[in-house]
Amino acid sequence: MAYEKAFTVLRMTTGLLFLLHGLAKLQKGMDAVTQMFGDLGLPWWLAYLVLGIELIGGLVFLLGIGAKYAAWGLAGVMTGAIVTVKWKQGFIGGYELDLILLAVTICVGFQQTKARPG
């Protein structure tokens, strides 16, 4: 029981982080975000895909409905962030926080759902 409560807190906190990152992109303006993606050598449309995954995935993590499925999209976003941006910065001050978010999303993705009685 304590494990389930702790896992719920971890999932919800992670969801809040992703949701706030998506909202920050909207606040910054998608023109600036697509420009940043372009400067990284990524296609501009990927900014909208990442935005959608962060907003929807973050909300789903908060609510806990379908989080197991949203986890894989969020894991993809974190993998992309590590590979395209953070890796060259090294572990400390680079990808260490992204790595823990990746680990949490993978754990949520592998979470077993309980069979409902009846």
PDB file of N, CA and C in Angstrom:
ATOM      1  N   MET A   1       0.811  -1.197   0.000  1.00  0.00           N
ATOM      2  CA  MET A   1       0.000   0.000   0.000  1.00  0.00           C
ATOM      3  C   MET A   1       0.855   1.261   0.000  1.00  0.00           C
ATOM      4  N   ALA A   2       1.906   1.291   0.825  1.00  0.00           N
ATOM      5  CA  ALA A   2       2.789   2.458   0.864  1.00  0.00           C
ATOM      6  C   ALA A   2       3.494   2.638  -0.475  1.00  0.00           C
ATOM      7  N   TYR A   3       3.859   1.513  -1.104  1.00  0.00           N
ATOM      8  CA  TYR A   3       4.512   1.572  -2.414  1.00  0.00           C
ATOM      9  C   TYR A   3       3.588   2.230  -3.430  1.00  0.00           C
ATOM     10  N   GLU A   4       2.326   1.854  -3.430  1.00  0.00           N
ATOM     11  CA  GLU A   4       1.370   2.416  -4.382  1.00  0.00           C
ATOM     12  C   GLU A   4       1.191   3.915  -4.172  1.00  0.00           C
ATOM     13  N   LYS A   5       1.148   4.336  -2.916  1.00  0.00           N
ATOM     14  CA  LYS A   5       1.020   5.770  -2.624  1.00  0.00           C
ATOM     15  C   LYS A   5       2.269   6.525  -3.082  1.00  0.00           C
ATOM     16  N   ALA A   6       3.442   5.967  -2.813  1.00  0.00           N
ATOM     17  CA  ALA A   6       4.690   6.605  -3.226  1.00  0.00           C
ATOM     18  C   ALA A   6       4.780   6.682  -4.750  1.00  0.00           C
ATOM     19  N   PHE A   7       4.376   5.616  -5.421  1.00  0.00           N
ATOM     20  CA  PHE A   7       4.397   5.594  -6.880  1.00  0.00           C
ATOM     21  C   PHE A   7       3.446   6.647  -7.445  1.00  0.00           C
ATOM     22  N   THR A   8       2.296   6.807  -6.814  1.00  0.00           N
ATOM     23  CA  THR A   8       1.325   7.812  -7.245  1.00  0.00           C
ATOM     24  C   THR A   8       1.900   9.217  -7.098  1.00  0.00           C
ATOM     25  N   VAL A   9       2.557   9.486  -5.998  1.00  0.00           N
ATOM     26  CA  VAL A   9       3.188  10.799  -5.789  1.00  0.00           C
ATOM     27  C   VAL A   9       4.256  11.035  -6.850  1.00  0.00           C
ATOM     28  N   LEU A  10       5.059  10.041  -7.131  1.00  0.00           N
ATOM     29  CA  LEU A  10       6.117  10.156  -8.140  1.00  0.00           C
ATOM     30  C   LEU A  10       5.518  10.405  -9.523  1.00  0.00           C
ATOM     31  N   ARG A  11       4.474   9.663  -9.878  1.00  0.00           N
ATOM     32  CA  ARG A  11       3.820   9.830 -11.179  1.00  0.00           C
ATOM     33  C   ARG A  11       3.205  11.215 -11.307  1.00  0.00           C
ATOM     34  N   MET A  12       2.508  11.654 -10.267  1.00  0.00           N
ATOM     35  CA  MET A  12       1.844  12.957 -10.324  1.00  0.00           C
ATOM     36  C   MET A  12       2.850  14.108 -10.372  1.00  0.00           C
ATOM     37  N   THR A  13       3.913  13.996  -9.607  1.00  0.00           N
ATOM     38  CA  THR A  13       4.951  15.032  -9.620  1.00  0.00           C
ATOM     39  C   THR A  13       5.607  15.113 -10.994  1.00  0.00           C
ATOM     40  N   THR A  14       5.886  13.966 -11.575  1.00  0.00           N
ATOM     41  CA  THR A  14       6.473  13.924 -12.913  1.00  0.00           C
ATOM     42  C   THR A  14       5.501  14.514 -13.930  1.00  0.00           C
ATOM     43  N   GLY A  15       4.228  14.205 -13.783  1.00  0.00           N
ATOM     44  CA  GLY A  15       3.221  14.772 -14.668  1.00  0.00           C
ATOM     45  C   GLY A  15       3.174  16.286 -14.576  1.00  0.00           C
ATOM     46  N   LEU A  16       3.260  16.802 -13.371  1.00  0.00           N
ATOM     47  CA  LEU A  16       3.267  18.253 -13.175  1.00  0.00           C
ATOM     48  C   LEU A  16       4.475  18.888 -13.867  1.00  0.00           C
ATOM     49  N   LEU A  17       5.639  18.250 -13.745  1.00  0.00           N
ATOM     50  CA  LEU A  17       6.847  18.773 -14.397  1.00  0.00           C
ATOM     51  C   LEU A  17       6.672  18.843 -15.913  1.00  0.00           C
ATOM     52  N   PHE A  18       6.158  17.775 -16.510  1.00  0.00           N
ATOM     53  CA  PHE A  18       5.960  17.766 -17.960  1.00  0.00           C
ATOM     54  C   PHE A  18       4.909  18.783 -18.377  1.00  0.00           C
ATOM     55  N   LEU A  19       3.817  18.859 -17.640  1.00  0.00           N
ATOM     56  CA  LEU A  19       2.760  19.809 -17.960  1.00  0.00           C
ATOM     57  C   LEU A  19       3.295  21.241 -17.907  1.00  0.00           C
ATOM     58  N   LEU A  20       4.068  21.558 -16.885  1.00  0.00           N
ATOM     59  CA  LEU A  20       4.625  22.910 -16.756  1.00  0.00           C
ATOM     60  C   LEU A  20       5.639  23.214 -17.858  1.00  0.00           C
ATOM     61  N   HIS A  21       6.389  22.217 -18.289  1.00  0.00           N
ATOM     62  CA  HIS A  21       7.320  22.427 -19.405  1.00  0.00           C
ATOM     63  C   HIS A  21       6.559  22.716 -20.694  1.00  0.00           C
ATOM     64  N   GLY A  22       5.448  22.011 -20.898  1.00  0.00           N
ATOM     65  CA  GLY A  22       4.617  22.291 -22.070  1.00  0.00           C
ATOM     66  C   GLY A  22       4.013  23.687 -22.006  1.00  0.00           C
ATOM     67  N   LEU A  23       3.517  24.065 -20.842  1.00  0.00           N
ATOM     68  CA  LEU A  23       2.953  25.406 -20.681  1.00  0.00           C
ATOM     69  C   LEU A  23       4.013  26.489 -20.868  1.00  0.00           C
ATOM     70  N   ALA A  24       5.240  26.211 -20.438  1.00  0.00           N
ATOM     71  CA  ALA A  24       6.332  27.175 -20.621  1.00  0.00           C
ATOM     72  C   ALA A  24       6.619  27.388 -22.106  1.00  0.00           C
ATOM     73  N   LYS A  25       6.514  26.323 -22.883  1.00  0.00           N
ATOM     74  CA  LYS A  25       6.700  26.464 -24.330  1.00  0.00           C
ATOM     75  C   LYS A  25       5.615  27.367 -24.918  1.00  0.00           C
ATOM     76  N   LEU A  26       4.387  27.179 -24.482  1.00  0.00           N
ATOM     77  CA  LEU A  26       3.300  28.035 -24.968  1.00  0.00           C
ATOM     78  C   LEU A  26       3.516  29.489 -24.558  1.00  0.00           C
ATOM     79  N   GLN A  27       3.958  29.682 -23.329  1.00  0.00           N
ATOM     80  CA  GLN A  27       4.185  31.036 -22.823  1.00  0.00           C
ATOM     81  C   GLN A  27       5.326  31.722 -23.577  1.00  0.00           C
ATOM     82  N   LYS A  28       6.344  30.951 -23.903  1.00  0.00           N
ATOM     83  CA  LYS A  28       7.486  31.486 -24.651  1.00  0.00           C
ATOM     84  C   LYS A  28       7.071  31.871 -26.061  1.00  0.00           C
ATOM     85  N   GLY A  29       6.099  31.140 -26.584  1.00  0.00           N
ATOM     86  CA  GLY A  29       5.643  31.366 -27.958  1.00  0.00           C
ATOM     87  C   GLY A  29       6.206  30.287 -28.865  1.00  0.00           C
ATOM     88  N   MET A  30       5.327  29.677 -29.641  1.00  0.00           N
ATOM     89  CA  MET A  30       5.764  28.565 -30.465  1.00  0.00           C
ATOM     90  C   MET A  30       6.689  28.993 -31.592  1.00  0.00           C
ATOM     91  N   ASP A  31       6.642  30.266 -31.994  1.00  0.00           N
ATOM     92  CA  ASP A  31       7.598  30.729 -32.998  1.00  0.00           C
ATOM     93  C   ASP A  31       9.022  30.606 -32.460  1.00  0.00           C
ATOM     94  N   ALA A  32       9.212  31.013 -31.208  1.00  0.00           N
ATOM     95  CA  ALA A  32      10.537  30.918 -30.593  1.00  0.00           C
ATOM     96  C   ALA A  32      10.950  29.465 -30.394  1.00  0.00           C
ATOM     97  N   VAL A  33       9.988  28.627 -30.027  1.00  0.00           N
ATOM     98  CA  VAL A  33      10.295  27.216 -29.780  1.00  0.00           C
ATOM     99  C   VAL A  33      10.641  26.509 -31.087  1.00  0.00           C
ATOM    100  N   THR A  34       9.878  26.765 -32.152  1.00  0.00           N
ATOM    101  CA  THR A  34      10.202  26.138 -33.436  1.00  0.00           C
ATOM    102  C   THR A  34      11.554  26.623 -33.941  1.00  0.00           C
ATOM    103  N   GLN A  35      11.873  27.890 -33.686  1.00  0.00           N
ATOM    104  CA  GLN A  35      13.190  28.420 -34.065  1.00  0.00           C
ATOM    105  C   GLN A  35      14.298  27.694 -33.308  1.00  0.00           C
ATOM    106  N   MET A  36      14.086  27.462 -32.009  1.00  0.00           N
ATOM    107  CA  MET A  36      15.071  26.753 -31.201  1.00  0.00           C
ATOM    108  C   MET A  36      15.276  25.332 -31.733  1.00  0.00           C
ATOM    109  N   PHE A  37      14.186  24.653 -32.072  1.00  0.00           N
ATOM    110  CA  PHE A  37      14.293  23.303 -32.624  1.00  0.00           C
ATOM    111  C   PHE A  37      15.078  23.347 -33.934  1.00  0.00           C
ATOM    112  N   GLY A  38      14.785  24.336 -34.763  1.00  0.00           N
ATOM    113  CA  GLY A  38      15.503  24.497 -36.030  1.00  0.00           C
ATOM    114  C   GLY A  38      16.990  24.742 -35.809  1.00  0.00           C
ATOM    115  N   ASP A  39      17.318  25.564 -34.814  1.00  0.00           N
ATOM    116  CA  ASP A  39      18.723  25.838 -34.489  1.00  0.00           C
ATOM    117  C   ASP A  39      19.458  24.577 -34.044  1.00  0.00           C
ATOM    118  N   LEU A  40      18.715  23.620 -33.509  1.00  0.00           N
ATOM    119  CA  LEU A  40      19.306  22.348 -33.092  1.00  0.00           C
ATOM    120  C   LEU A  40      19.391  21.354 -34.244  1.00  0.00           C
ATOM    121  N   GLY A  41      18.913  21.767 -35.416  1.00  0.00           N
ATOM    122  CA  GLY A  41      18.927  20.883 -36.570  1.00  0.00           C
ATOM    123  C   GLY A  41      17.737  19.947 -36.632  1.00  0.00           C
ATOM    124  N   LEU A  42      16.713  20.247 -35.857  1.00  0.00           N
ATOM    125  CA  LEU A  42      15.507  19.420 -35.817  1.00  0.00           C
ATOM    126  C   LEU A  42      14.427  20.065 -36.666  1.00  0.00           C
ATOM    127  N   PRO A  43      13.509  19.281 -37.208  1.00  0.00           N
ATOM    128  CA  PRO A  43      12.414  19.877 -37.982  1.00  0.00           C
ATOM    129  C   PRO A  43      11.502  20.707 -37.082  1.00  0.00           C
ATOM    130  N   TRP A  44      10.996  21.811 -37.608  1.00  0.00           N
ATOM    131  CA  TRP A  44      10.177  22.742 -36.827  1.00  0.00           C
ATOM    132  C   TRP A  44       8.939  22.072 -36.267  1.00  0.00           C
ATOM    133  N   TRP A  45       8.324  21.158 -37.036  1.00  0.00           N
ATOM    134  CA  TRP A  45       7.078  20.523 -36.615  1.00  0.00           C
ATOM    135  C   TRP A  45       7.256  19.652 -35.378  1.00  0.00           C
ATOM    136  N   LEU A  46       8.489  19.230 -35.121  1.00  0.00           N
ATOM    137  CA  LEU A  46       8.754  18.401 -33.949  1.00  0.00           C
ATOM    138  C   LEU A  46       8.452  19.167 -32.656  1.00  0.00           C
ATOM    139  N   ALA A  47       8.587  20.495 -32.703  1.00  0.00           N
ATOM    140  CA  ALA A  47       8.271  21.320 -31.530  1.00  0.00           C
ATOM    141  C   ALA A  47       6.810  21.151 -31.133  1.00  0.00           C
ATOM    142  N   TYR A  48       5.926  21.075 -32.115  1.00  0.00           N
ATOM    143  CA  TYR A  48       4.500  20.899 -31.818  1.00  0.00           C
ATOM    144  C   TYR A  48       4.211  19.496 -31.294  1.00  0.00           C
ATOM    145  N   LEU A  49       4.905  18.506 -31.829  1.00  0.00           N
ATOM    146  CA  LEU A  49       4.726  17.147 -31.336  1.00  0.00           C
ATOM    147  C   LEU A  49       5.169  17.044 -29.880  1.00  0.00           C
ATOM    148  N   VAL A  50       6.338  17.602 -29.574  1.00  0.00           N
ATOM    149  CA  VAL A  50       6.856  17.587 -28.198  1.00  0.00           C
ATOM    150  C   VAL A  50       5.904  18.340 -27.275  1.00  0.00           C
ATOM    151  N   LEU A  51       5.421  19.494 -27.727  1.00  0.00           N
ATOM    152  CA  LEU A  51       4.462  20.270 -26.936  1.00  0.00           C
ATOM    153  C   LEU A  51       3.231  19.431 -26.604  1.00  0.00           C
ATOM    154  N   GLY A  52       2.669  18.786 -27.596  1.00  0.00           N
ATOM    155  CA  GLY A  52       1.478  17.968 -27.375  1.00  0.00           C
ATOM    156  C   GLY A  52       1.738  16.821 -26.415  1.00  0.00           C
ATOM    157  N   ILE A  53       2.865  16.166 -26.583  1.00  0.00           N
ATOM    158  CA  ILE A  53       3.200  15.047 -25.698  1.00  0.00           C
ATOM    159  C   ILE A  53       3.395  15.540 -24.270  1.00  0.00           C
ATOM    160  N   GLU A  54       4.071  16.671 -24.102  1.00  0.00           N
ATOM    161  CA  GLU A  54       4.293  17.203 -22.751  1.00  0.00           C
ATOM    162  C   GLU A  54       2.986  17.629 -22.089  1.00  0.00           C
ATOM    163  N   LEU A  55       2.126  18.321 -22.829  1.00  0.00           N
ATOM    164  CA  LEU A  55       0.865  18.781 -22.253  1.00  0.00           C
ATOM    165  C   LEU A  55      -0.077  17.623 -21.961  1.00  0.00           C
ATOM    166  N   ILE A  56      -0.331  16.806 -22.957  1.00  0.00           N
ATOM    167  CA  ILE A  56      -1.273  15.701 -22.781  1.00  0.00           C
ATOM    168  C   ILE A  56      -0.686  14.646 -21.846  1.00  0.00           C
ATOM    169  N   GLY A  57       0.578  14.286 -22.067  1.00  0.00           N
ATOM    170  CA  GLY A  57       1.216  13.291 -21.213  1.00  0.00           C
ATOM    171  C   GLY A  57       1.302  13.740 -19.770  1.00  0.00           C
ATOM    172  N   GLY A  58       1.634  15.009 -19.571  1.00  0.00           N
ATOM    173  CA  GLY A  58       1.695  15.538 -18.206  1.00  0.00           C
ATOM    174  C   GLY A  58       0.350  15.492 -17.520  1.00  0.00           C
ATOM    175  N   LEU A  59      -0.696  15.872 -18.240  1.00  0.00           N
ATOM    176  CA  LEU A  59      -2.046  15.842 -17.678  1.00  0.00           C
ATOM    177  C   LEU A  59      -2.484  14.407 -17.379  1.00  0.00           C
ATOM    178  N   VAL A  60      -2.179  13.507 -18.291  1.00  0.00           N
ATOM    179  CA  VAL A  60      -2.529  12.096 -18.099  1.00  0.00           C
ATOM    180  C   VAL A  60      -1.792  11.529 -16.884  1.00  0.00           C
ATOM    181  N   PHE A  61      -0.522  11.906 -16.713  1.00  0.00           N
ATOM    182  CA  PHE A  61       0.223  11.455 -15.535  1.00  0.00           C
ATOM    183  C   PHE A  61      -0.420  11.989 -14.260  1.00  0.00           C
ATOM    184  N   LEU A  62      -0.839  13.239 -14.290  1.00  0.00           N
ATOM    185  CA  LEU A  62      -1.494  13.818 -13.110  1.00  0.00           C
ATOM    186  C   LEU A  62      -2.781  13.080 -12.770  1.00  0.00           C
ATOM    187  N   LEU A  63      -3.573  12.779 -13.781  1.00  0.00           N
ATOM    188  CA  LEU A  63      -4.859  12.124 -13.564  1.00  0.00           C
ATOM    189  C   LEU A  63      -4.724  10.619 -13.345  1.00  0.00           C
ATOM    190  N   GLY A  64      -3.679  10.044 -13.898  1.00  0.00           N
ATOM    191  CA  GLY A  64      -3.466   8.608 -13.739  1.00  0.00           C
ATOM    192  C   GLY A  64      -4.299   7.744 -14.657  1.00  0.00           C
ATOM    193  N   ILE A  65      -4.943   8.335 -15.624  1.00  0.00           N
ATOM    194  CA  ILE A  65      -5.778   7.583 -16.566  1.00  0.00           C
ATOM    195  C   ILE A  65      -4.989   7.416 -17.863  1.00  0.00           C
ATOM    196  N   GLY A  66      -4.590   6.198 -18.154  1.00  0.00           N
ATOM    197  CA  GLY A  66      -3.814   5.940 -19.369  1.00  0.00           C
ATOM    198  C   GLY A  66      -2.355   6.333 -19.260  1.00  0.00           C
ATOM    199  N   ALA A  67      -1.883   6.567 -18.048  1.00  0.00           N
ATOM    200  CA  ALA A  67      -0.500   7.012 -17.850  1.00  0.00           C
ATOM    201  C   ALA A  67       0.498   5.995 -18.387  1.00  0.00           C
ATOM    202  N   LYS A  68       0.157   4.741 -18.299  1.00  0.00           N
ATOM    203  CA  LYS A  68       1.034   3.676 -18.765  1.00  0.00           C
ATOM    204  C   LYS A  68       1.330   3.833 -20.256  1.00  0.00           C
ATOM    205  N   TYR A  69       0.375   4.342 -21.006  1.00  0.00           N
ATOM    206  CA  TYR A  69       0.551   4.518 -22.448  1.00  0.00           C
ATOM    207  C   TYR A  69       1.228   5.850 -22.768  1.00  0.00           C
ATOM    208  N   ALA A  70       0.847   6.894 -22.068  1.00  0.00           N
ATOM    209  CA  ALA A  70       1.468   8.208 -22.268  1.00  0.00           C
ATOM    210  C   ALA A  70       2.946   8.178 -21.892  1.00  0.00           C
ATOM    211  N   ALA A  71       3.299   7.275 -20.995  1.00  0.00           N
ATOM    212  CA  ALA A  71       4.679   7.182 -20.524  1.00  0.00           C
ATOM    213  C   ALA A  71       5.665   6.985 -21.668  1.00  0.00           C
ATOM    214  N   TRP A  72       5.261   6.220 -22.673  1.00  0.00           N
ATOM    215  CA  TRP A  72       6.197   5.929 -23.769  1.00  0.00           C
ATOM    216  C   TRP A  72       6.439   7.156 -24.647  1.00  0.00           C
ATOM    217  N   GLY A  73       5.438   7.996 -24.824  1.00  0.00           N
ATOM    218  CA  GLY A  73       5.655   9.247 -25.542  1.00  0.00           C
ATOM    219  C   GLY A  73       6.571  10.175 -24.768  1.00  0.00           C
ATOM    220  N   LEU A  74       6.344  10.259 -23.457  1.00  0.00           N
ATOM    221  CA  LEU A  74       7.200  11.099 -22.606  1.00  0.00           C
ATOM    222  C   LEU A  74       8.627  10.550 -22.568  1.00  0.00           C
ATOM    223  N   ALA A  75       8.764   9.229 -22.551  1.00  0.00           N
ATOM    224  CA  ALA A  75      10.098   8.627 -22.574  1.00  0.00           C
ATOM    225  C   ALA A  75      10.810   8.973 -23.881  1.00  0.00           C
ATOM    226  N   GLY A  76      10.057   8.992 -24.968  1.00  0.00           N
ATOM    227  CA  GLY A  76      10.640   9.387 -26.257  1.00  0.00           C
ATOM    228  C   GLY A  76      11.116  10.827 -26.255  1.00  0.00           C
ATOM    229  N   VAL A  77      10.327  11.708 -25.647  1.00  0.00           N
ATOM    230  CA  VAL A  77      10.719  13.122 -25.542  1.00  0.00           C
ATOM    231  C   VAL A  77      12.016  13.246 -24.735  1.00  0.00           C
ATOM    232  N   MET A  78      12.090  12.532 -23.625  1.00  0.00           N
ATOM    233  CA  MET A  78      13.293  12.626 -22.786  1.00  0.00           C
ATOM    234  C   MET A  78      14.513  12.034 -23.495  1.00  0.00           C
ATOM    235  N   THR A  79      14.316  10.931 -24.192  1.00  0.00           N
ATOM    236  CA  THR A  79      15.423  10.346 -24.960  1.00  0.00           C
ATOM    237  C   THR A  79      15.910  11.331 -26.008  1.00  0.00           C
ATOM    238  N   GLY A  80      14.974  11.953 -26.707  1.00  0.00           N
ATOM    239  CA  GLY A  80      15.340  12.953 -27.709  1.00  0.00           C
ATOM    240  C   GLY A  80      16.077  14.132 -27.107  1.00  0.00           C
ATOM    241  N   ALA A  81      15.618  14.599 -25.942  1.00  0.00           N
ATOM    242  CA  ALA A  81      16.286  15.730 -25.281  1.00  0.00           C
ATOM    243  C   ALA A  81      17.707  15.369 -24.878  1.00  0.00           C
ATOM    244  N   ILE A  82      17.878  14.172 -24.357  1.00  0.00           N
ATOM    245  CA  ILE A  82      19.214  13.743 -23.940  1.00  0.00           C
ATOM    246  C   ILE A  82      20.135  13.644 -25.143  1.00  0.00           C
ATOM    247  N   VAL A  83      19.676  12.995 -26.192  1.00  0.00           N
ATOM    248  CA  VAL A  83      20.521  12.735 -27.365  1.00  0.00           C
ATOM    249  C   VAL A  83      20.839  14.012 -28.139  1.00  0.00           C
ATOM    250  N   THR A  84      19.846  14.879 -28.326  1.00  0.00           N
ATOM    251  CA  THR A  84      20.053  16.042 -29.189  1.00  0.00           C
ATOM    252  C   THR A  84      20.622  17.266 -28.481  1.00  0.00           C
ATOM    253  N   VAL A  85      20.382  17.393 -27.194  1.00  0.00           N
ATOM    254  CA  VAL A  85      20.780  18.618 -26.494  1.00  0.00           C
ATOM    255  C   VAL A  85      21.704  18.351 -25.310  1.00  0.00           C
ATOM    256  N   LYS A  86      21.302  17.482 -24.429  1.00  0.00           N
ATOM    257  CA  LYS A  86      21.945  17.376 -23.118  1.00  0.00           C
ATOM    258  C   LYS A  86      23.222  16.546 -23.093  1.00  0.00           C
ATOM    259  N   TRP A  87      23.353  15.559 -23.966  1.00  0.00           N
ATOM    260  CA  TRP A  87      24.487  14.633 -23.907  1.00  0.00           C
ATOM    261  C   TRP A  87      25.823  15.365 -23.988  1.00  0.00           C
ATOM    262  N   LYS A  88      25.919  16.316 -24.917  1.00  0.00           N
ATOM    263  CA  LYS A  88      27.189  17.028 -25.113  1.00  0.00           C
ATOM    264  C   LYS A  88      27.553  17.918 -23.919  1.00  0.00           C
ATOM    265  N   GLN A  89      26.586  18.178 -23.034  1.00  0.00           N
ATOM    266  CA  GLN A  89      26.848  18.972 -21.837  1.00  0.00           C
ATOM    267  C   GLN A  89      27.405  18.124 -20.703  1.00  0.00           C
ATOM    268  N   GLY A  90      27.399  16.803 -20.898  1.00  0.00           N
ATOM    269  CA  GLY A  90      27.906  15.897 -19.868  1.00  0.00           C
ATOM    270  C   GLY A  90      26.826  15.541 -18.866  1.00  0.00           C
ATOM    271  N   PHE A  91      27.201  14.711 -17.915  1.00  0.00           N
ATOM    272  CA  PHE A  91      26.224  14.210 -16.946  1.00  0.00           C
ATOM    273  C   PHE A  91      25.791  15.304 -15.976  1.00  0.00           C
ATOM    274  N   ILE A  92      26.748  15.852 -15.206  1.00  0.00           N
ATOM    275  CA  ILE A  92      26.430  16.906 -14.247  1.00  0.00           C
ATOM    276  C   ILE A  92      26.217  18.213 -15.012  1.00  0.00           C
ATOM    277  N   GLY A  93      25.072  18.825 -14.784  1.00  0.00           N
ATOM    278  CA  GLY A  93      24.748  20.058 -15.494  1.00  0.00           C
ATOM    279  C   GLY A  93      24.263  19.802 -16.909  1.00  0.00           C
ATOM    280  N   GLY A  94      24.087  18.549 -17.240  1.00  0.00           N
ATOM    281  CA  GLY A  94      23.637  18.176 -18.578  1.00  0.00           C
ATOM    282  C   GLY A  94      22.388  17.321 -18.528  1.00  0.00           C
ATOM    283  N   TYR A  95      22.589  16.016 -18.603  1.00  0.00           N
ATOM    284  CA  TYR A  95      21.437  15.136 -18.751  1.00  0.00           C
ATOM    285  C   TYR A  95      21.011  14.399 -17.491  1.00  0.00           C
ATOM    286  N   GLU A  96      21.603  14.716 -16.337  1.00  0.00           N
ATOM    287  CA  GLU A  96      21.271  13.934 -15.139  1.00  0.00           C
ATOM    288  C   GLU A  96      19.797  14.031 -14.748  1.00  0.00           C
ATOM    289  N   LEU A  97      19.187  15.204 -14.832  1.00  0.00           N
ATOM    290  CA  LEU A  97      17.774  15.338 -14.464  1.00  0.00           C
ATOM    291  C   LEU A  97      16.863  14.745 -15.530  1.00  0.00           C
ATOM    292  N   ASP A  98      17.267  14.870 -16.779  1.00  0.00           N
ATOM    293  CA  ASP A  98      16.501  14.243 -17.861  1.00  0.00           C
ATOM    294  C   ASP A  98      16.529  12.723 -17.725  1.00  0.00           C
ATOM    295  N   LEU A  99      17.648  12.199 -17.257  1.00  0.00           N
ATOM    296  CA  LEU A  99      17.786  10.757 -17.087  1.00  0.00           C
ATOM    297  C   LEU A  99      16.824  10.229 -16.021  1.00  0.00           C
ATOM    298  N   ILE A 100      16.651  10.958 -14.929  1.00  0.00           N
ATOM    299  CA  ILE A 100      15.724  10.497 -13.901  1.00  0.00           C
ATOM    300  C   ILE A 100      14.282  10.590 -14.400  1.00  0.00           C
ATOM    301  N   LEU A 101      13.960  11.625 -15.175  1.00  0.00           N
ATOM    302  CA  LEU A 101      12.617  11.710 -15.758  1.00  0.00           C
ATOM    303  C   LEU A 101      12.390  10.566 -16.745  1.00  0.00           C
ATOM    304  N   LEU A 102      13.416  10.221 -17.511  1.00  0.00           N
ATOM    305  CA  LEU A 102      13.322   9.080 -18.419  1.00  0.00           C
ATOM    306  C   LEU A 102      13.072   7.794 -17.634  1.00  0.00           C
ATOM    307  N   ALA A 103      13.801   7.617 -16.542  1.00  0.00           N
ATOM    308  CA  ALA A 103      13.634   6.412 -15.717  1.00  0.00           C
ATOM    309  C   ALA A 103      12.223   6.330 -15.135  1.00  0.00           C
ATOM    310  N   VAL A 104      11.690   7.447 -14.667  1.00  0.00           N
ATOM    311  CA  VAL A 104      10.337   7.452 -14.101  1.00  0.00           C
ATOM    312  C   VAL A 104       9.314   7.107 -15.177  1.00  0.00           C
ATOM    313  N   THR A 105       9.461   7.707 -16.362  1.00  0.00           N
ATOM    314  CA  THR A 105       8.482   7.420 -17.420  1.00  0.00           C
ATOM    315  C   THR A 105       8.531   5.947 -17.823  1.00  0.00           C
ATOM    316  N   ILE A 106       9.711   5.364 -17.862  1.00  0.00           N
ATOM    317  CA  ILE A 106       9.828   3.939 -18.191  1.00  0.00           C
ATOM    318  C   ILE A 106       9.175   3.090 -17.103  1.00  0.00           C
ATOM    319  N   CYS A 107       9.399   3.444 -15.842  1.00  0.00           N
ATOM    320  CA  CYS A 107       8.760   2.704 -14.738  1.00  0.00           C
ATOM    321  C   CYS A 107       7.245   2.779 -14.831  1.00  0.00           C
ATOM    322  N   VAL A 108       6.710   3.946 -15.131  1.00  0.00           N
ATOM    323  CA  VAL A 108       5.261   4.090 -15.278  1.00  0.00           C
ATOM    324  C   VAL A 108       4.782   3.263 -16.469  1.00  0.00           C
ATOM    325  N   GLY A 109       5.553   3.263 -17.546  1.00  0.00           N
ATOM    326  CA  GLY A 109       5.180   2.496 -18.727  1.00  0.00           C
ATOM    327  C   GLY A 109       5.103   1.000 -18.461  1.00  0.00           C
ATOM    328  N   PHE A 110       5.952   0.498 -17.589  1.00  0.00           N
ATOM    329  CA  PHE A 110       5.958  -0.921 -17.261  1.00  0.00           C
ATOM    330  C   PHE A 110       5.049  -1.284 -16.090  1.00  0.00           C
ATOM    331  N   GLN A 111       4.391  -0.293 -15.498  1.00  0.00           N
ATOM    332  CA  GLN A 111       3.533  -0.545 -14.344  1.00  0.00           C
ATOM    333  C   GLN A 111       2.419  -1.525 -14.720  1.00  0.00           C
ATOM    334  N   GLN A 112       2.220  -2.484 -13.875  1.00  0.00           N
ATOM    335  CA  GLN A 112       1.151  -3.464 -14.074  1.00  0.00           C
ATOM    336  C   GLN A 112      -0.169  -2.882 -13.581  1.00  0.00           C
ATOM    337  N   THR A 113      -1.194  -3.025 -14.387  1.00  0.00           N
ATOM    338  CA  THR A 113      -2.516  -2.578 -13.946  1.00  0.00           C
ATOM    339  C   THR A 113      -3.208  -3.750 -13.248  1.00  0.00           C
ATOM    340  N   LYS A 114      -3.936  -3.400 -12.234  1.00  0.00           N
ATOM    341  CA  LYS A 114      -4.646  -4.433 -11.471  1.00  0.00           C
ATOM    342  C   LYS A 114      -5.945  -4.796 -12.191  1.00  0.00           C
ATOM    343  N   ALA A 115      -6.254  -6.060 -12.161  1.00  0.00           N
ATOM    344  CA  ALA A 115      -7.530  -6.506 -12.707  1.00  0.00           C
ATOM    345  C   ALA A 115      -8.652  -6.018 -11.801  1.00  0.00           C
ATOM    346  N   ARG A 116      -9.700  -5.521 -12.392  1.00  0.00           N
ATOM    347  CA  ARG A 116     -10.836  -5.037 -11.606  1.00  0.00           C
ATOM    348  C   ARG A 116     -11.792  -6.194 -11.341  1.00  0.00           C
ATOM    349  N   PRO A 117     -12.277  -6.261 -10.118  1.00  0.00           N
ATOM    350  CA  PRO A 117     -13.215  -7.350  -9.794  1.00  0.00           C
ATOM    351  C   PRO A 117     -14.526  -7.180 -10.551  1.00  0.00           C
ATOM    352  N   GLY A 118     -15.131  -8.303 -10.848  1.00  0.00           N
ATOM    353  CA  GLY A 118     -16.462  -8.268 -11.445  1.00  0.00           C
ATOM    354  C   GLY A 118     -16.406  -8.437 -12.865  1.00  0.00           C
TER     355      GLY A 118
END
